[in-house]
């Protein structure tokens, strides 16, 4: 029996490849785990890394301007978009924590004032 040939090859943008290589180059991170999370073969990520080091990493000349279809590849997110989303969530959390801190500081100031007030009242009452 003959082998079936894959007709639709996945194509990746240059930005996608660069983000994947940068993620794989972080200390303490295994490239195998990055490749698995992106849904690509580890050898492909290794090849992109080698091309990046040599300065040969480039976009596919047949690449369409849009990223791979999310319908065809549901589990694979663009690392750049994921980083943007994570940054957006972190900024929201920072704002929320800042508001909570301001409220807490106001409460502490109010309690300090109340403590002084009642201390003065006790002094007056004990006379």
PDB file of N, CA and C in Angstrom:
ATOM      1  N   UNK A   1       0.833  -1.189   0.000  1.00  0.00           N
ATOM      2  CA  UNK A   1       0.000   0.000   0.000  1.00  0.00           C
ATOM      3  C   UNK A   1       0.877   1.251   0.000  1.00  0.00           C
ATOM      4  N   UNK A   2       0.394   2.250  -0.666  1.00  0.00           N
ATOM      5  CA  UNK A   2       1.127   3.506  -0.726  1.00  0.00           C
ATOM      6  C   UNK A   2       0.848   4.371   0.500  1.00  0.00           C
ATOM      7  N   UNK A   3       1.749   5.267   0.741  1.00  0.00           N
ATOM      8  CA  UNK A   3       1.574   6.179   1.869  1.00  0.00           C
ATOM      9  C   UNK A   3       0.729   7.364   1.441  1.00  0.00           C
ATOM     10  N   UNK A   4      -0.060   7.853   2.386  1.00  0.00           N
ATOM     11  CA  UNK A   4      -0.825   9.055   2.074  1.00  0.00           C
ATOM     12  C   UNK A   4       0.063  10.263   2.304  1.00  0.00           C
ATOM     13  N   UNK A   5      -0.118  11.234   1.466  1.00  0.00           N
ATOM     14  CA  UNK A   5       0.719  12.421   1.559  1.00  0.00           C
ATOM     15  C   UNK A   5      -0.104  13.569   2.145  1.00  0.00           C
ATOM     16  N   UNK A   6       0.479  14.286   3.066  1.00  0.00           N
ATOM     17  CA  UNK A   6      -0.207  15.417   3.671  1.00  0.00           C
ATOM     18  C   UNK A   6      -0.280  16.537   2.642  1.00  0.00           C
ATOM     19  N   UNK A   7      -1.466  17.034   2.395  1.00  0.00           N
ATOM     20  CA  UNK A   7      -1.641  18.051   1.366  1.00  0.00           C
ATOM     21  C   UNK A   7      -1.596  19.468   1.928  1.00  0.00           C
ATOM     22  N   UNK A   8      -2.114  19.640   3.119  1.00  0.00           N
ATOM     23  CA  UNK A   8      -2.120  20.979   3.729  1.00  0.00           C
ATOM     24  C   UNK A   8      -1.058  21.040   4.822  1.00  0.00           C
ATOM     25  N   UNK A   9       0.031  21.712   4.532  1.00  0.00           N
ATOM     26  CA  UNK A   9       1.097  21.840   5.502  1.00  0.00           C
ATOM     27  C   UNK A   9       0.854  23.079   6.354  1.00  0.00           C
ATOM     28  N   UNK A  10       1.200  22.956   7.621  1.00  0.00           N
ATOM     29  CA  UNK A  10       1.059  24.110   8.501  1.00  0.00           C
ATOM     30  C   UNK A  10       2.171  25.097   8.178  1.00  0.00           C
ATOM     31  N   UNK A  11       1.805  26.362   8.103  1.00  0.00           N
ATOM     32  CA  UNK A  11       2.780  27.409   7.829  1.00  0.00           C
ATOM     33  C   UNK A  11       2.720  28.403   8.972  1.00  0.00           C
ATOM     34  N   UNK A  12       3.873  28.894   9.375  1.00  0.00           N
ATOM     35  CA  UNK A  12       3.956  29.773  10.529  1.00  0.00           C
ATOM     36  C   UNK A  12       4.573  31.101  10.129  1.00  0.00           C
ATOM     37  N   UNK A  13       4.110  32.149  10.773  1.00  0.00           N
ATOM     38  CA  UNK A  13       4.660  33.475  10.506  1.00  0.00           C
ATOM     39  C   UNK A  13       6.030  33.592  11.158  1.00  0.00           C
ATOM     40  N   UNK A  14       6.781  34.568  10.723  1.00  0.00           N
ATOM     41  CA  UNK A  14       8.096  34.810  11.294  1.00  0.00           C
ATOM     42  C   UNK A  14       7.964  35.200  12.761  1.00  0.00           C
ATOM     43  N   UNK A  15       6.963  36.013  13.098  1.00  0.00           N
ATOM     44  CA  UNK A  15       6.747  36.406  14.496  1.00  0.00           C
ATOM     45  C   UNK A  15       6.475  35.185  15.372  1.00  0.00           C
ATOM     46  N   UNK A  16       5.676  34.270  14.867  1.00  0.00           N
ATOM     47  CA  UNK A  16       5.355  33.053  15.607  1.00  0.00           C
ATOM     48  C   UNK A  16       6.627  32.250  15.874  1.00  0.00           C
ATOM     49  N   UNK A  17       7.454  32.106  14.837  1.00  0.00           N
ATOM     50  CA  UNK A  17       8.694  31.350  14.982  1.00  0.00           C
ATOM     51  C   UNK A  17       9.628  32.015  15.987  1.00  0.00           C
ATOM     52  N   UNK A  18       9.752  33.355  15.892  1.00  0.00           N
ATOM     53  CA  UNK A  18      10.631  34.079  16.817  1.00  0.00           C
ATOM     54  C   UNK A  18      10.156  33.942  18.259  1.00  0.00           C
ATOM     55  N   UNK A  19       8.854  34.062  18.474  1.00  0.00           N
ATOM     56  CA  UNK A  19       8.314  33.918  19.829  1.00  0.00           C
ATOM     57  C   UNK A  19       8.580  32.509  20.367  1.00  0.00           C
ATOM     58  N   UNK A  20       8.394  31.510  19.530  1.00  0.00           N
ATOM     59  CA  UNK A  20       8.626  30.135  19.954  1.00  0.00           C
ATOM     60  C   UNK A  20      10.086  29.920  20.331  1.00  0.00           C
ATOM     61  N   UNK A  21      11.005  30.451  19.531  1.00  0.00           N
ATOM     62  CA  UNK A  21      12.435  30.319  19.811  1.00  0.00           C
ATOM     63  C   UNK A  21      12.792  31.057  21.105  1.00  0.00           C
ATOM     64  N   UNK A  22      12.249  32.254  21.289  1.00  0.00           N
ATOM     65  CA  UNK A  22      12.534  33.012  22.518  1.00  0.00           C
ATOM     66  C   UNK A  22      12.009  32.286  23.750  1.00  0.00           C
ATOM     67  N   UNK A  23      10.818  31.695  23.641  1.00  0.00           N
ATOM     68  CA  UNK A  23      10.271  30.924  24.766  1.00  0.00           C
ATOM     69  C   UNK A  23      11.166  29.727  25.084  1.00  0.00           C
ATOM     70  N   UNK A  24      11.652  29.061  24.050  1.00  0.00           N
ATOM     71  CA  UNK A  24      12.482  27.874  24.245  1.00  0.00           C
ATOM     72  C   UNK A  24      13.860  28.226  24.803  1.00  0.00           C
ATOM     73  N   UNK A  25      14.315  29.458  24.613  1.00  0.00           N
ATOM     74  CA  UNK A  25      15.638  29.862  25.071  1.00  0.00           C
ATOM     75  C   UNK A  25      15.666  30.368  26.513  1.00  0.00           C
ATOM     76  N   UNK A  26      14.515  30.409  27.177  1.00  0.00           N
ATOM     77  CA  UNK A  26      14.505  30.841  28.577  1.00  0.00           C
ATOM     78  C   UNK A  26      15.222  29.815  29.432  1.00  0.00           C
ATOM     79  N   UNK A  27      16.002  30.271  30.420  1.00  0.00           N
ATOM     80  CA  UNK A  27      16.694  29.314  31.294  1.00  0.00           C
ATOM     81  C   UNK A  27      15.680  28.523  32.127  1.00  0.00           C
ATOM     82  N   UNK A  28      15.957  27.263  32.300  1.00  0.00           N
ATOM     83  CA  UNK A  28      15.089  26.408  33.099  1.00  0.00           C
ATOM     84  C   UNK A  28      13.857  25.917  32.376  1.00  0.00           C
ATOM     85  N   UNK A  29      13.740  26.214  31.087  1.00  0.00           N
ATOM     86  CA  UNK A  29      12.581  25.791  30.304  1.00  0.00           C
ATOM     87  C   UNK A  29      13.057  24.766  29.286  1.00  0.00           C
ATOM     88  N   UNK A  30      12.330  23.675  29.195  1.00  0.00           N
ATOM     89  CA  UNK A  30      12.694  22.635  28.236  1.00  0.00           C
ATOM     90  C   UNK A  30      12.006  22.920  26.902  1.00  0.00           C
ATOM     91  N   UNK A  31      12.795  22.901  25.838  1.00  0.00           N
ATOM     92  CA  UNK A  31      12.257  23.160  24.499  1.00  0.00           C
ATOM     93  C   UNK A  31      11.187  22.142  24.136  1.00  0.00           C
ATOM     94  N   UNK A  32      11.348  20.935  24.638  1.00  0.00           N
ATOM     95  CA  UNK A  32      10.361  19.882  24.374  1.00  0.00           C
ATOM     96  C   UNK A  32       8.991  20.282  24.913  1.00  0.00           C
ATOM     97  N   UNK A  33       8.966  20.871  26.106  1.00  0.00           N
ATOM     98  CA  UNK A  33       7.702  21.307  26.705  1.00  0.00           C
ATOM     99  C   UNK A  33       7.077  22.449  25.915  1.00  0.00           C
ATOM    100  N   UNK A  34       7.918  23.371  25.451  1.00  0.00           N
ATOM    101  CA  UNK A  34       7.419  24.498  24.652  1.00  0.00           C
ATOM    102  C   UNK A  34       6.815  23.974  23.351  1.00  0.00           C
ATOM    103  N   UNK A  35       7.549  23.063  22.695  1.00  0.00           N
ATOM    104  CA  UNK A  35       7.059  22.506  21.429  1.00  0.00           C
ATOM    105  C   UNK A  35       5.733  21.781  21.645  1.00  0.00           C
ATOM    106  N   UNK A  36       5.641  21.046  22.726  1.00  0.00           N
ATOM    107  CA  UNK A  36       4.400  20.317  23.021  1.00  0.00           C
ATOM    108  C   UNK A  36       3.245  21.281  23.261  1.00  0.00           C
ATOM    109  N   UNK A  37       3.509  22.353  24.006  1.00  0.00           N
ATOM    110  CA  UNK A  37       2.436  23.307  24.305  1.00  0.00           C
ATOM    111  C   UNK A  37       2.003  24.067  23.047  1.00  0.00           C
ATOM    112  N   UNK A  38       2.925  24.273  22.110  1.00  0.00           N
ATOM    113  CA  UNK A  38       2.584  24.954  20.867  1.00  0.00           C
ATOM    114  C   UNK A  38       2.022  23.993  19.824  1.00  0.00           C
ATOM    115  N   UNK A  39       2.144  22.694  20.085  1.00  0.00           N
ATOM    116  CA  UNK A  39       1.611  21.706  19.161  1.00  0.00           C
ATOM    117  C   UNK A  39       2.488  21.499  17.941  1.00  0.00           C
ATOM    118  N   UNK A  40       3.785  21.721  18.109  1.00  0.00           N
ATOM    119  CA  UNK A  40       4.716  21.493  16.997  1.00  0.00           C
ATOM    120  C   UNK A  40       5.708  20.420  17.420  1.00  0.00           C
ATOM    121  N   UNK A  41       6.387  19.853  16.457  1.00  0.00           N
ATOM    122  CA  UNK A  41       7.373  18.817  16.749  1.00  0.00           C
ATOM    123  C   UNK A  41       8.625  19.470  17.329  1.00  0.00           C
ATOM    124  N   UNK A  42       9.241  18.866  18.345  1.00  0.00           N
ATOM    125  CA  UNK A  42      10.452  19.452  18.934  1.00  0.00           C
ATOM    126  C   UNK A  42      11.582  19.673  17.929  1.00  0.00           C
ATOM    127  N   UNK A  43      11.667  18.811  16.921  1.00  0.00           N
ATOM    128  CA  UNK A  43      12.712  18.969  15.909  1.00  0.00           C
ATOM    129  C   UNK A  43      12.506  20.271  15.129  1.00  0.00           C
ATOM    130  N   UNK A  44      11.231  20.626  14.883  1.00  0.00           N
ATOM    131  CA  UNK A  44      10.941  21.872  14.163  1.00  0.00           C
ATOM    132  C   UNK A  44      11.408  23.071  14.990  1.00  0.00           C
ATOM    133  N   UNK A  45      11.126  23.021  16.292  1.00  0.00           N
ATOM    134  CA  UNK A  45      11.547  24.115  17.173  1.00  0.00           C
ATOM    135  C   UNK A  45      13.074  24.188  17.225  1.00  0.00           C
ATOM    136  N   UNK A  46      13.726  23.040  17.270  1.00  0.00           N
ATOM    137  CA  UNK A  46      15.185  23.009  17.263  1.00  0.00           C
ATOM    138  C   UNK A  46      15.722  23.604  15.959  1.00  0.00           C
ATOM    139  N   UNK A  47      15.099  23.241  14.839  1.00  0.00           N
ATOM    140  CA  UNK A  47      15.539  23.768  13.539  1.00  0.00           C
ATOM    141  C   UNK A  47      15.377  25.292  13.491  1.00  0.00           C
ATOM    142  N   UNK A  48      14.237  25.781  13.989  1.00  0.00           N
ATOM    143  CA  UNK A  48      14.031  27.232  14.032  1.00  0.00           C
ATOM    144  C   UNK A  48      15.097  27.897  14.892  1.00  0.00           C
ATOM    145  N   UNK A  49      15.462  27.248  15.999  1.00  0.00           N
ATOM    146  CA  UNK A  49      16.507  27.796  16.873  1.00  0.00           C
ATOM    147  C   UNK A  49      17.845  27.879  16.160  1.00  0.00           C
ATOM    148  N   UNK A  50      18.188  26.836  15.414  1.00  0.00           N
ATOM    149  CA  UNK A  50      19.449  26.828  14.663  1.00  0.00           C
ATOM    150  C   UNK A  50      19.440  27.907  13.584  1.00  0.00           C
ATOM    151  N   UNK A  51      18.312  28.028  12.880  1.00  0.00           N
ATOM    152  CA  UNK A  51      18.205  29.055  11.842  1.00  0.00           C
ATOM    153  C   UNK A  51      18.292  30.449  12.460  1.00  0.00           C
ATOM    154  N   UNK A  52      17.710  30.620  13.640  1.00  0.00           N
ATOM    155  CA  UNK A  52      17.755  31.915  14.335  1.00  0.00           C
ATOM    156  C   UNK A  52      19.199  32.271  14.697  1.00  0.00           C
ATOM    157  N   UNK A  53      19.944  31.290  15.213  1.00  0.00           N
ATOM    158  CA  UNK A  53      21.348  31.532  15.586  1.00  0.00           C
ATOM    159  C   UNK A  53      22.197  31.893  14.374  1.00  0.00           C
ATOM    160  N   UNK A  54      21.909  31.275  13.235  1.00  0.00           N
ATOM    161  CA  UNK A  54      22.667  31.544  12.008  1.00  0.00           C
ATOM    162  C   UNK A  54      22.179  32.804  11.297  1.00  0.00           C
ATOM    163  N   UNK A  55      21.037  33.334  11.750  1.00  0.00           N
ATOM    164  CA  UNK A  55      20.466  34.508  11.104  1.00  0.00           C
ATOM    165  C   UNK A  55      19.698  34.172   9.835  1.00  0.00           C
ATOM    166  N   UNK A  56      19.306  32.925   9.715  1.00  0.00           N
ATOM    167  CA  UNK A  56      18.616  32.474   8.509  1.00  0.00           C
ATOM    168  C   UNK A  56      17.112  32.287   8.711  1.00  0.00           C
ATOM    169  N   UNK A  57      16.616  32.541   9.907  1.00  0.00           N
ATOM    170  CA  UNK A  57      15.193  32.336  10.179  1.00  0.00           C
ATOM    171  C   UNK A  57      14.386  33.388   9.442  1.00  0.00           C
ATOM    172  N   UNK A  58      13.461  32.940   8.622  1.00  0.00           N
ATOM    173  CA  UNK A  58      12.631  33.882   7.859  1.00  0.00           C
ATOM    174  C   UNK A  58      11.253  33.280   7.663  1.00  0.00           C
ATOM    175  N   UNK A  59      10.365  34.127   7.219  1.00  0.00           N
ATOM    176  CA  UNK A  59       8.994  33.679   6.962  1.00  0.00           C
ATOM    177  C   UNK A  59       8.974  32.810   5.711  1.00  0.00           C
ATOM    178  N   UNK A  60       8.028  31.918   5.658  1.00  0.00           N
ATOM    179  CA  UNK A  60       7.847  31.066   4.498  1.00  0.00           C
ATOM    180  C   UNK A  60       7.421  31.935   3.319  1.00  0.00           C
ATOM    181  N   UNK A  61       8.046  31.760   2.171  1.00  0.00           N
ATOM    182  CA  UNK A  61       7.713  32.611   1.021  1.00  0.00           C
ATOM    183  C   UNK A  61       6.297  32.353   0.514  1.00  0.00           C
ATOM    184  N   UNK A  62       5.731  31.204   0.851  1.00  0.00           N
ATOM    185  CA  UNK A  62       4.367  30.884   0.440  1.00  0.00           C
ATOM    186  C   UNK A  62       3.354  31.237   1.531  1.00  0.00           C
ATOM    187  N   UNK A  63       3.843  31.852   2.581  1.00  0.00           N
ATOM    188  CA  UNK A  63       2.987  32.152   3.735  1.00  0.00           C
ATOM    189  C   UNK A  63       1.958  33.208   3.397  1.00  0.00           C
ATOM    190  N   UNK A  64       0.729  32.918   3.743  1.00  0.00           N
ATOM    191  CA  UNK A  64      -0.321  33.917   3.603  1.00  0.00           C
ATOM    192  C   UNK A  64      -0.208  34.874   4.782  1.00  0.00           C
ATOM    193  N   UNK A  65      -0.698  36.111   4.658  1.00  0.00           N
ATOM    194  CA  UNK A  65      -0.526  37.075   5.730  1.00  0.00           C
ATOM    195  C   UNK A  65      -1.252  36.724   7.027  1.00  0.00           C
ATOM    196  N   UNK A  66      -2.221  35.822   6.992  1.00  0.00           N
ATOM    197  CA  UNK A  66      -2.938  35.465   8.208  1.00  0.00           C
ATOM    198  C   UNK A  66      -2.273  34.281   8.890  1.00  0.00           C
ATOM    199  N   UNK A  67      -2.369  34.192  10.225  1.00  0.00           N
ATOM    200  CA  UNK A  67      -1.784  33.052  10.933  1.00  0.00           C
ATOM    201  C   UNK A  67      -2.566  31.781  10.645  1.00  0.00           C
ATOM    202  N   UNK A  68      -2.056  30.633  11.039  1.00  0.00           N
ATOM    203  CA  UNK A  68      -2.764  29.380  10.798  1.00  0.00           C
ATOM    204  C   UNK A  68      -4.174  29.432  11.376  1.00  0.00           C
ATOM    205  N   UNK A  69      -5.081  28.783  10.699  1.00  0.00           N
ATOM    206  CA  UNK A  69      -6.491  28.816  11.073  1.00  0.00           C
ATOM    207  C   UNK A  69      -6.723  28.175  12.433  1.00  0.00           C
ATOM    208  N   UNK A  70      -7.395  28.885  13.347  1.00  0.00           N
ATOM    209  CA  UNK A  70      -7.672  28.288  14.650  1.00  0.00           C
ATOM    210  C   UNK A  70      -8.678  27.145  14.559  1.00  0.00           C
ATOM    211  N   UNK A  71      -9.460  27.095  13.479  1.00  0.00           N
ATOM    212  CA  UNK A  71     -10.417  26.006  13.312  1.00  0.00           C
ATOM    213  C   UNK A  71      -9.672  24.698  13.054  1.00  0.00           C
ATOM    214  N   UNK A  72      -8.608  24.794  12.269  1.00  0.00           N
ATOM    215  CA  UNK A  72      -7.849  23.596  11.938  1.00  0.00           C
ATOM    216  C   UNK A  72      -6.965  23.139  13.079  1.00  0.00           C
ATOM    217  N   UNK A  73      -6.490  24.099  13.857  1.00  0.00           N
ATOM    218  CA  UNK A  73      -5.541  23.793  14.913  1.00  0.00           C
ATOM    219  C   UNK A  73      -6.005  24.436  16.211  1.00  0.00           C
ATOM    220  N   UNK A  74      -6.982  23.869  16.881  1.00  0.00           N
ATOM    221  CA  UNK A  74      -7.611  24.522  18.018  1.00  0.00           C
ATOM    222  C   UNK A  74      -6.715  24.699  19.239  1.00  0.00           C
ATOM    223  N   UNK A  75      -5.800  23.799  19.507  1.00  0.00           N
ATOM    224  CA  UNK A  75      -5.034  23.876  20.743  1.00  0.00           C
ATOM    225  C   UNK A  75      -3.804  24.745  20.673  1.00  0.00           C
ATOM    226  N   UNK A  76      -3.553  25.389  19.560  1.00  0.00           N
ATOM    227  CA  UNK A  76      -2.298  26.115  19.389  1.00  0.00           C
ATOM    228  C   UNK A  76      -2.549  27.615  19.341  1.00  0.00           C
ATOM    229  N   UNK A  77      -2.074  28.281  20.355  1.00  0.00           N
ATOM    230  CA  UNK A  77      -2.247  29.729  20.416  1.00  0.00           C
ATOM    231  C   UNK A  77      -0.951  30.420  20.034  1.00  0.00           C
ATOM    232  N   UNK A  78      -1.068  31.603  19.520  1.00  0.00           N
ATOM    233  CA  UNK A  78       0.099  32.399  19.165  1.00  0.00           C
ATOM    234  C   UNK A  78       0.772  32.866  20.448  1.00  0.00           C
ATOM    235  N   UNK A  79       2.062  32.586  20.643  1.00  0.00           N
ATOM    236  CA  UNK A  79       2.731  32.978  21.884  1.00  0.00           C
ATOM    237  C   UNK A  79       2.710  34.491  22.109  1.00  0.00           C
ATOM    238  N   UNK A  80       2.771  35.264  21.048  1.00  0.00           N
ATOM    239  CA  UNK A  80       2.760  36.721  21.200  1.00  0.00           C
ATOM    240  C   UNK A  80       1.417  37.183  21.762  1.00  0.00           C
ATOM    241  N   UNK A  81       0.333  36.623  21.252  1.00  0.00           N
ATOM    242  CA  UNK A  81      -0.994  37.002  21.743  1.00  0.00           C
ATOM    243  C   UNK A  81      -1.182  36.532  23.186  1.00  0.00           C
ATOM    244  N   UNK A  82      -0.680  35.353  23.483  1.00  0.00           N
ATOM    245  CA  UNK A  82      -0.787  34.836  24.850  1.00  0.00           C
ATOM    246  C   UNK A  82      -0.044  35.745  25.820  1.00  0.00           C
ATOM    247  N   UNK A  83       1.133  36.225  25.410  1.00  0.00           N
ATOM    248  CA  UNK A  83       1.901  37.130  26.267  1.00  0.00           C
ATOM    249  C   UNK A  83       1.164  38.452  26.465  1.00  0.00           C
ATOM    250  N   UNK A  84       0.543  38.956  25.406  1.00  0.00           N
ATOM    251  CA  UNK A  84      -0.226  40.205  25.515  1.00  0.00           C
ATOM    252  C   UNK A  84      -1.404  40.039  26.469  1.00  0.00           C
ATOM    253  N   UNK A  85      -2.100  38.897  26.342  1.00  0.00           N
ATOM    254  CA  UNK A  85      -3.244  38.631  27.216  1.00  0.00           C
ATOM    255  C   UNK A  85      -2.800  38.523  28.671  1.00  0.00           C
ATOM    256  N   UNK A  86      -1.674  37.853  28.886  1.00  0.00           N
ATOM    257  CA  UNK A  86      -1.155  37.695  30.245  1.00  0.00           C
ATOM    258  C   UNK A  86      -0.774  39.049  30.835  1.00  0.00           C
ATOM    259  N   UNK A  87      -0.158  39.900  30.017  1.00  0.00           N
ATOM    260  CA  UNK A  87       0.226  41.235  30.474  1.00  0.00           C
ATOM    261  C   UNK A  87      -1.009  42.064  30.813  1.00  0.00           C
ATOM    262  N   UNK A  88      -2.033  41.951  29.994  1.00  0.00           N
ATOM    263  CA  UNK A  88      -3.278  42.683  30.236  1.00  0.00           C
ATOM    264  C   UNK A  88      -3.908  42.249  31.557  1.00  0.00           C
ATOM    265  N   UNK A  89      -3.928  40.941  31.806  1.00  0.00           N
ATOM    266  CA  UNK A  89      -4.482  40.430  33.056  1.00  0.00           C
ATOM    267  C   UNK A  89      -3.649  40.896  34.248  1.00  0.00           C
ATOM    268  N   UNK A  90      -2.331  40.914  34.092  1.00  0.00           N
ATOM    269  CA  UNK A  90      -1.456  41.355  35.178  1.00  0.00           C
ATOM    270  C   UNK A  90      -1.703  42.833  35.504  1.00  0.00           C
ATOM    271  N   UNK A  91      -1.892  43.645  34.469  1.00  0.00           N
ATOM    272  CA  UNK A  91      -2.161  45.070  34.696  1.00  0.00           C
ATOM    273  C   UNK A  91      -3.489  45.263  35.436  1.00  0.00           C
ATOM    274  N   UNK A  92      -4.502  44.489  35.058  1.00  0.00           N
ATOM    275  CA  UNK A  92      -5.788  44.568  35.750  1.00  0.00           C
ATOM    276  C   UNK A  92      -5.626  44.192  37.220  1.00  0.00           C
ATOM    277  N   UNK A  93      -4.862  43.142  37.453  1.00  0.00           N
ATOM    278  CA  UNK A  93      -4.640  42.696  38.841  1.00  0.00           C
ATOM    279  C   UNK A  93      -3.886  43.755  39.635  1.00  0.00           C
ATOM    280  N   UNK A  94      -2.911  44.389  39.024  1.00  0.00           N
ATOM    281  CA  UNK A  94      -2.152  45.446  39.707  1.00  0.00           C
ATOM    282  C   UNK A  94      -3.072  46.598  40.076  1.00  0.00           C
ATOM    283  N   UNK A  95      -3.951  47.000  39.161  1.00  0.00           N
ATOM    284  CA  UNK A  95      -4.906  48.076  39.460  1.00  0.00           C
ATOM    285  C   UNK A  95      -5.826  47.693  40.618  1.00  0.00           C
ATOM    286  N   UNK A  96      -6.309  46.462  40.587  1.00  0.00           N
ATOM    287  CA  UNK A  96      -7.204  45.988  41.638  1.00  0.00           C
ATOM    288  C   UNK A  96      -6.483  45.989  42.990  1.00  0.00           C
ATOM    289  N   UNK A  97      -5.258  45.488  43.006  1.00  0.00           N
ATOM    290  CA  UNK A  97      -4.489  45.452  44.254  1.00  0.00           C
ATOM    291  C   UNK A  97      -4.155  46.857  44.742  1.00  0.00           C
ATOM    292  N   UNK A  98      -3.905  47.766  43.813  1.00  0.00           N
ATOM    293  CA  UNK A  98      -3.639  49.163  44.189  1.00  0.00           C
ATOM    294  C   UNK A  98      -4.847  49.785  44.875  1.00  0.00           C
ATOM    295  N   UNK A  99      -6.029  49.515  44.353  1.00  0.00           N
ATOM    296  CA  UNK A  99      -7.261  50.038  44.965  1.00  0.00           C
ATOM    297  C   UNK A  99      -7.455  49.444  46.361  1.00  0.00           C
ATOM    298  N   UNK A 100      -7.215  48.133  46.485  1.00  0.00           N
ATOM    299  CA  UNK A 100      -7.350  47.477  47.783  1.00  0.00           C
ATOM    300  C   UNK A 100      -6.351  48.044  48.789  1.00  0.00           C
ATOM    301  N   UNK A 101      -5.154  48.331  48.341  1.00  0.00           N
ATOM    302  CA  UNK A 101      -4.137  48.906  49.221  1.00  0.00           C
ATOM    303  C   UNK A 101      -4.551  50.288  49.699  1.00  0.00           C
ATOM    304  N   UNK A 102      -5.086  51.104  48.795  1.00  0.00           N
ATOM    305  CA  UNK A 102      -5.534  52.447  49.168  1.00  0.00           C
ATOM    306  C   UNK A 102      -6.647  52.367  50.212  1.00  0.00           C
ATOM    307  N   UNK A 103      -7.579  51.449  50.029  1.00  0.00           N
ATOM    308  CA  UNK A 103      -8.668  51.276  50.996  1.00  0.00           C
ATOM    309  C   UNK A 103      -8.106  50.844  52.343  1.00  0.00           C
ATOM    310  N   UNK A 104      -7.179  49.914  52.325  1.00  0.00           N
ATOM    311  CA  UNK A 104      -6.578  49.432  53.575  1.00  0.00           C
ATOM    312  C   UNK A 104      -5.839  50.556  54.309  1.00  0.00           C
ATOM    313  N   UNK A 105      -5.119  51.378  53.553  1.00  0.00           N
ATOM    314  CA  UNK A 105      -4.401  52.498  54.177  1.00  0.00           C
ATOM    315  C   UNK A 105      -5.389  53.473  54.822  1.00  0.00           C
ATOM    316  N   UNK A 106      -6.507  53.748  54.134  1.00  0.00           N
ATOM    317  CA  UNK A 106      -7.535  54.629  54.702  1.00  0.00           C
ATOM    318  C   UNK A 106      -8.104  54.039  55.982  1.00  0.00           C
ATOM    319  N   UNK A 107      -8.344  52.738  55.993  1.00  0.00           N
ATOM    320  CA  UNK A 107      -8.877  52.079  57.184  1.00  0.00           C
ATOM    321  C   UNK A 107      -7.896  52.167  58.342  1.00  0.00           C
ATOM    322  N   UNK A 108      -6.615  51.949  58.072  1.00  0.00           N
ATOM    323  CA  UNK A 108      -5.592  52.034  59.127  1.00  0.00           C
ATOM    324  C   UNK A 108      -5.534  53.454  59.677  1.00  0.00           C
ATOM    325  N   UNK A 109      -5.558  54.449  58.803  1.00  0.00           N
ATOM    326  CA  UNK A 109      -5.535  55.845  59.259  1.00  0.00           C
ATOM    327  C   UNK A 109      -6.741  56.149  60.134  1.00  0.00           C
ATOM    328  N   UNK A 110      -7.902  55.663  59.730  1.00  0.00           N
ATOM    329  CA  UNK A 110      -9.128  55.881  60.503  1.00  0.00           C
ATOM    330  C   UNK A 110      -9.027  55.220  61.876  1.00  0.00           C
ATOM    331  N   UNK A 111      -8.505  54.012  61.926  1.00  0.00           N
ATOM    332  CA  UNK A 111      -8.353  53.311  63.205  1.00  0.00           C
ATOM    333  C   UNK A 111      -7.359  54.028  64.116  1.00  0.00           C
ATOM    334  N   UNK A 112      -6.291  54.571  63.545  1.00  0.00           N
ATOM    335  CA  UNK A 112      -5.322  55.327  64.353  1.00  0.00           C
ATOM    336  C   UNK A 112      -5.972  56.565  64.950  1.00  0.00           C
ATOM    337  N   UNK A 113      -6.779  57.265  64.153  1.00  0.00           N
ATOM    338  CA  UNK A 113      -7.475  58.451  64.648  1.00  0.00           C
ATOM    339  C   UNK A 113      -8.458  58.073  65.759  1.00  0.00           C
ATOM    340  N   UNK A 114      -9.174  56.962  65.557  1.00  0.00           N
ATOM    341  CA  UNK A 114     -10.135  56.514  66.564  1.00  0.00           C
ATOM    342  C   UNK A 114      -9.411  56.143  67.854  1.00  0.00           C
ATOM    343  N   UNK A 115      -8.270  55.518  67.729  1.00  0.00           N
ATOM    344  CA  UNK A 115      -7.488  55.136  68.908  1.00  0.00           C
ATOM    345  C   UNK A 115      -7.067  56.377  69.696  1.00  0.00           C
ATOM    346  N   UNK A 116      -6.599  57.403  68.987  1.00  0.00           N
ATOM    347  CA  UNK A 116      -6.199  58.651  69.661  1.00  0.00           C
ATOM    348  C   UNK A 116      -7.406  59.319  70.319  1.00  0.00           C
ATOM    349  N   UNK A 117      -8.528  59.316  69.603  1.00  0.00           N
ATOM    350  CA  UNK A 117      -9.741  59.936  70.135  1.00  0.00           C
ATOM    351  C   UNK A 117     -10.169  59.269  71.439  1.00  0.00           C
ATOM    352  N   UNK A 118     -10.206  57.931  71.445  1.00  0.00           N
ATOM    353  CA  UNK A 118     -10.649  57.228  72.638  1.00  0.00           C
ATOM    354  C   UNK A 118      -9.620  57.321  73.762  1.00  0.00           C
ATOM    355  N   UNK A 119      -8.336  57.423  73.411  1.00  0.00           N
ATOM    356  CA  UNK A 119      -7.314  57.599  74.446  1.00  0.00           C
ATOM    357  C   UNK A 119      -7.509  58.950  75.131  1.00  0.00           C
ATOM    358  N   UNK A 120      -7.788  60.005  74.363  1.00  0.00           N
ATOM    359  CA  UNK A 120      -8.024  61.327  74.938  1.00  0.00           C
ATOM    360  C   UNK A 120      -9.311  61.320  75.774  1.00  0.00           C
ATOM    361  N   UNK A 121     -10.320  60.603  75.318  1.00  0.00           N
ATOM    362  CA  UNK A 121     -11.592  60.543  76.040  1.00  0.00           C
ATOM    363  C   UNK A 121     -11.393  59.837  77.393  1.00  0.00           C
ATOM    364  N   UNK A 122     -10.599  58.775  77.428  1.00  0.00           N
ATOM    365  CA  UNK A 122     -10.319  58.066  78.675  1.00  0.00           C
ATOM    366  C   UNK A 122      -9.586  58.967  79.663  1.00  0.00           C
ATOM    367  N   UNK A 123      -8.654  59.781  79.123  1.00  0.00           N
ATOM    368  CA  UNK A 123      -7.922  60.714  79.989  1.00  0.00           C
ATOM    369  C   UNK A 123      -8.887  61.708  80.620  1.00  0.00           C
ATOM    370  N   UNK A 124      -9.807  62.240  79.800  1.00  0.00           N
ATOM    371  CA  UNK A 124     -10.774  63.225  80.318  1.00  0.00           C
ATOM    372  C   UNK A 124     -11.714  62.587  81.335  1.00  0.00           C
ATOM    373  N   UNK A 125     -12.143  61.382  81.086  1.00  0.00           N
ATOM    374  CA  UNK A 125     -13.088  60.717  81.981  1.00  0.00           C
ATOM    375  C   UNK A 125     -12.426  60.314  83.310  1.00  0.00           C
ATOM    376  N   UNK A 126     -11.146  60.019  83.270  1.00  0.00           N
ATOM    377  CA  UNK A 126     -10.472  59.571  84.497  1.00  0.00           C
ATOM    378  C   UNK A 126     -10.159  60.752  85.426  1.00  0.00           C
ATOM    379  N   UNK A 127     -10.226  61.980  84.956  1.00  0.00           N
ATOM    380  CA  UNK A 127      -9.934  63.130  85.801  1.00  0.00           C
ATOM    381  C   UNK A 127     -10.986  63.386  86.778  1.00  0.00           C
TER     382      UNK A 127
END
